[in-house]
Amino acid sequence: MGLEKNENYFELTDDSDRASAIEAQFNEDALEEARRKIVPETSPDFDGKHCIECGEKIPAARLKLGKIRCIDCQTVREQKTRFFGG
């Protein structure tokens, strides 16, 4: 079927085709978001051990995941992103 992103799904005449296209786009968007979240973060201010926000030492398990913020600072950042949408 090969739909382009943001295509008007309601132009499809068959309900099954429309539902399949919407589901495929939803799945693609979810995978893209998941991939974006696992990419290691970078910052010129990161010393390899301490949170770039508060300076607290980051646990080794988080460092292995490529994180540059402690859990508390990352939580606050995610809450702000959800609230302010950015």
C-alpha atoms as a PDB file:
ATOM      1  CA  MET A   1       0.000   0.000   0.000  1.00  0.00           C
ATOM      2  CA  GLY A   2       2.942   2.369   0.704  1.00  0.00           C
ATOM      3  CA  LEU A   3       1.514   5.430   2.413  1.00  0.00           C
ATOM      4  CA  GLU A   4       3.593   8.538   2.998  1.00  0.00           C
ATOM      5  CA  LYS A   5       3.797  10.021   6.480  1.00  0.00           C
ATOM      6  CA  ASN A   6       0.983  12.509   7.171  1.00  0.00           C
ATOM      7  CA  GLU A   7      -1.039  11.228   4.225  1.00  0.00           C
ATOM      8  CA  ASN A   8      -4.763  11.828   4.596  1.00  0.00           C
ATOM      9  CA  TYR A   9      -5.924   8.368   5.631  1.00  0.00           C
ATOM     10  CA  PHE A  10      -9.530   9.328   5.174  1.00  0.00           C
ATOM     11  CA  GLU A  11      -9.047   9.423   1.406  1.00  0.00           C
ATOM     12  CA  LEU A  12      -8.823   5.625   1.521  1.00  0.00           C
ATOM     13  CA  THR A  13     -12.198   4.158   0.731  1.00  0.00           C
ATOM     14  CA  ASP A  14     -11.829   0.803   2.463  1.00  0.00           C
ATOM     15  CA  ASP A  15     -12.135   0.877   6.262  1.00  0.00           C
ATOM     16  CA  SER A  16      -9.670  -1.996   6.636  1.00  0.00           C
ATOM     17  CA  ASP A  17      -7.058  -0.245   4.487  1.00  0.00           C
ATOM     18  CA  ARG A  18      -7.528   2.961   6.458  1.00  0.00           C
ATOM     19  CA  ALA A  19      -7.199   1.156   9.803  1.00  0.00           C
ATOM     20  CA  SER A  20      -4.111  -0.722   8.611  1.00  0.00           C
ATOM     21  CA  ALA A  21      -2.477   2.474   7.370  1.00  0.00           C
ATOM     22  CA  ILE A  22      -3.149   4.312  10.620  1.00  0.00           C
ATOM     23  CA  GLU A  23      -1.858   1.372  12.666  1.00  0.00           C
ATOM     24  CA  ALA A  24       1.289   1.118  10.539  1.00  0.00           C
ATOM     25  CA  GLN A  25       1.999   4.831  10.986  1.00  0.00           C
ATOM     26  CA  PHE A  26       1.356   4.607  14.727  1.00  0.00           C
ATOM     27  CA  ASN A  27       3.791   1.686  15.000  1.00  0.00           C
ATOM     28  CA  GLU A  28       6.419   3.491  12.925  1.00  0.00           C
ATOM     29  CA  ASP A  29       6.120   6.603  15.104  1.00  0.00           C
ATOM     30  CA  ALA A  30       6.399   4.520  18.295  1.00  0.00           C
ATOM     31  CA  LEU A  31       9.526   2.770  17.032  1.00  0.00           C
ATOM     32  CA  GLU A  32      11.089   6.080  16.020  1.00  0.00           C
ATOM     33  CA  GLU A  33      10.407   7.502  19.488  1.00  0.00           C
ATOM     34  CA  ALA A  34      11.869   4.397  21.178  1.00  0.00           C
ATOM     35  CA  ARG A  35      15.015   4.590  19.040  1.00  0.00           C
ATOM     36  CA  ARG A  36      15.410   8.273  19.841  1.00  0.00           C
ATOM     37  CA  LYS A  37      15.226   7.557  23.561  1.00  0.00           C
ATOM     38  CA  ILE A  38      18.028   4.970  23.544  1.00  0.00           C
ATOM     39  CA  VAL A  39      20.586   7.066  21.660  1.00  0.00           C
ATOM     40  CA  PRO A  40      23.410   8.017  24.046  1.00  0.00           C
ATOM     41  CA  GLU A  41      23.279  11.663  25.042  1.00  0.00           C
ATOM     42  CA  THR A  42      26.203  14.036  24.632  1.00  0.00           C
ATOM     43  CA  SER A  43      27.133  17.389  26.101  1.00  0.00           C
ATOM     44  CA  PRO A  44      30.368  19.364  26.152  1.00  0.00           C
ATOM     45  CA  ASP A  45      29.760  19.909  29.891  1.00  0.00           C
ATOM     46  CA  PHE A  46      29.617  16.183  30.700  1.00  0.00           C
ATOM     47  CA  ASP A  47      32.703  14.900  32.542  1.00  0.00           C
ATOM     48  CA  GLY A  48      31.744  11.242  32.187  1.00  0.00           C
ATOM     49  CA  LYS A  49      30.704  10.746  35.819  1.00  0.00           C
ATOM     50  CA  HIS A  50      28.536  13.579  37.107  1.00  0.00           C
ATOM     51  CA  CYS A  51      25.064  14.873  36.217  1.00  0.00           C
ATOM     52  CA  ILE A  52      25.213  17.923  33.949  1.00  0.00           C
ATOM     53  CA  GLU A  53      22.273  19.472  35.825  1.00  0.00           C
ATOM     54  CA  CYS A  54      23.108  19.047  39.520  1.00  0.00           C
ATOM     55  CA  GLY A  55      26.639  17.621  39.627  1.00  0.00           C
ATOM     56  CA  GLU A  56      25.690  14.460  41.542  1.00  0.00           C
ATOM     57  CA  LYS A  57      27.504  11.252  40.628  1.00  0.00           C
ATOM     58  CA  ILE A  58      25.584   9.155  38.087  1.00  0.00           C
ATOM     59  CA  PRO A  59      25.259   5.420  38.897  1.00  0.00           C
ATOM     60  CA  ALA A  60      27.370   3.130  36.700  1.00  0.00           C
ATOM     61  CA  ALA A  61      24.273   1.438  35.240  1.00  0.00           C
ATOM     62  CA  ARG A  62      23.002   4.792  33.914  1.00  0.00           C
ATOM     63  CA  LEU A  63      26.416   5.651  32.519  1.00  0.00           C
ATOM     64  CA  LYS A  64      26.436   2.365  30.583  1.00  0.00           C
ATOM     65  CA  LEU A  65      23.148   3.468  28.991  1.00  0.00           C
ATOM     66  CA  GLY A  66      24.762   6.706  27.818  1.00  0.00           C
ATOM     67  CA  LYS A  67      22.871   8.953  30.236  1.00  0.00           C
ATOM     68  CA  ILE A  68      24.271  12.325  31.290  1.00  0.00           C
ATOM     69  CA  ARG A  69      21.738  13.186  34.014  1.00  0.00           C
ATOM     70  CA  CYS A  70      20.923  11.577  37.351  1.00  0.00           C
ATOM     71  CA  ILE A  71      17.514   9.953  37.731  1.00  0.00           C
ATOM     72  CA  ASP A  72      16.021  12.914  39.617  1.00  0.00           C
ATOM     73  CA  CYS A  73      17.135  15.496  37.037  1.00  0.00           C
ATOM     74  CA  GLN A  74      16.013  13.303  34.143  1.00  0.00           C
ATOM     75  CA  THR A  75      12.615  12.860  35.777  1.00  0.00           C
ATOM     76  CA  VAL A  76      12.190  16.623  36.160  1.00  0.00           C
ATOM     77  CA  ARG A  77      13.272  17.159  32.551  1.00  0.00           C
ATOM     78  CA  GLU A  78      10.735  14.609  31.279  1.00  0.00           C
ATOM     79  CA  GLN A  79       7.953  16.114  33.390  1.00  0.00           C
ATOM     80  CA  LYS A  80       8.706  19.587  31.985  1.00  0.00           C
ATOM     81  CA  THR A  81       8.762  18.199  28.456  1.00  0.00           C
ATOM     82  CA  ARG A  82       5.355  16.567  28.953  1.00  0.00           C
ATOM     83  CA  PHE A  83       3.884  19.680  30.557  1.00  0.00           C
ATOM     84  CA  PHE A  84       5.339  22.263  28.180  1.00  0.00           C
ATOM     85  CA  GLY A  85       5.446  20.013  25.131  1.00  0.00           C
ATOM     86  CA  GLY A  86       8.991  20.685  24.147  1.00  0.00           C
END
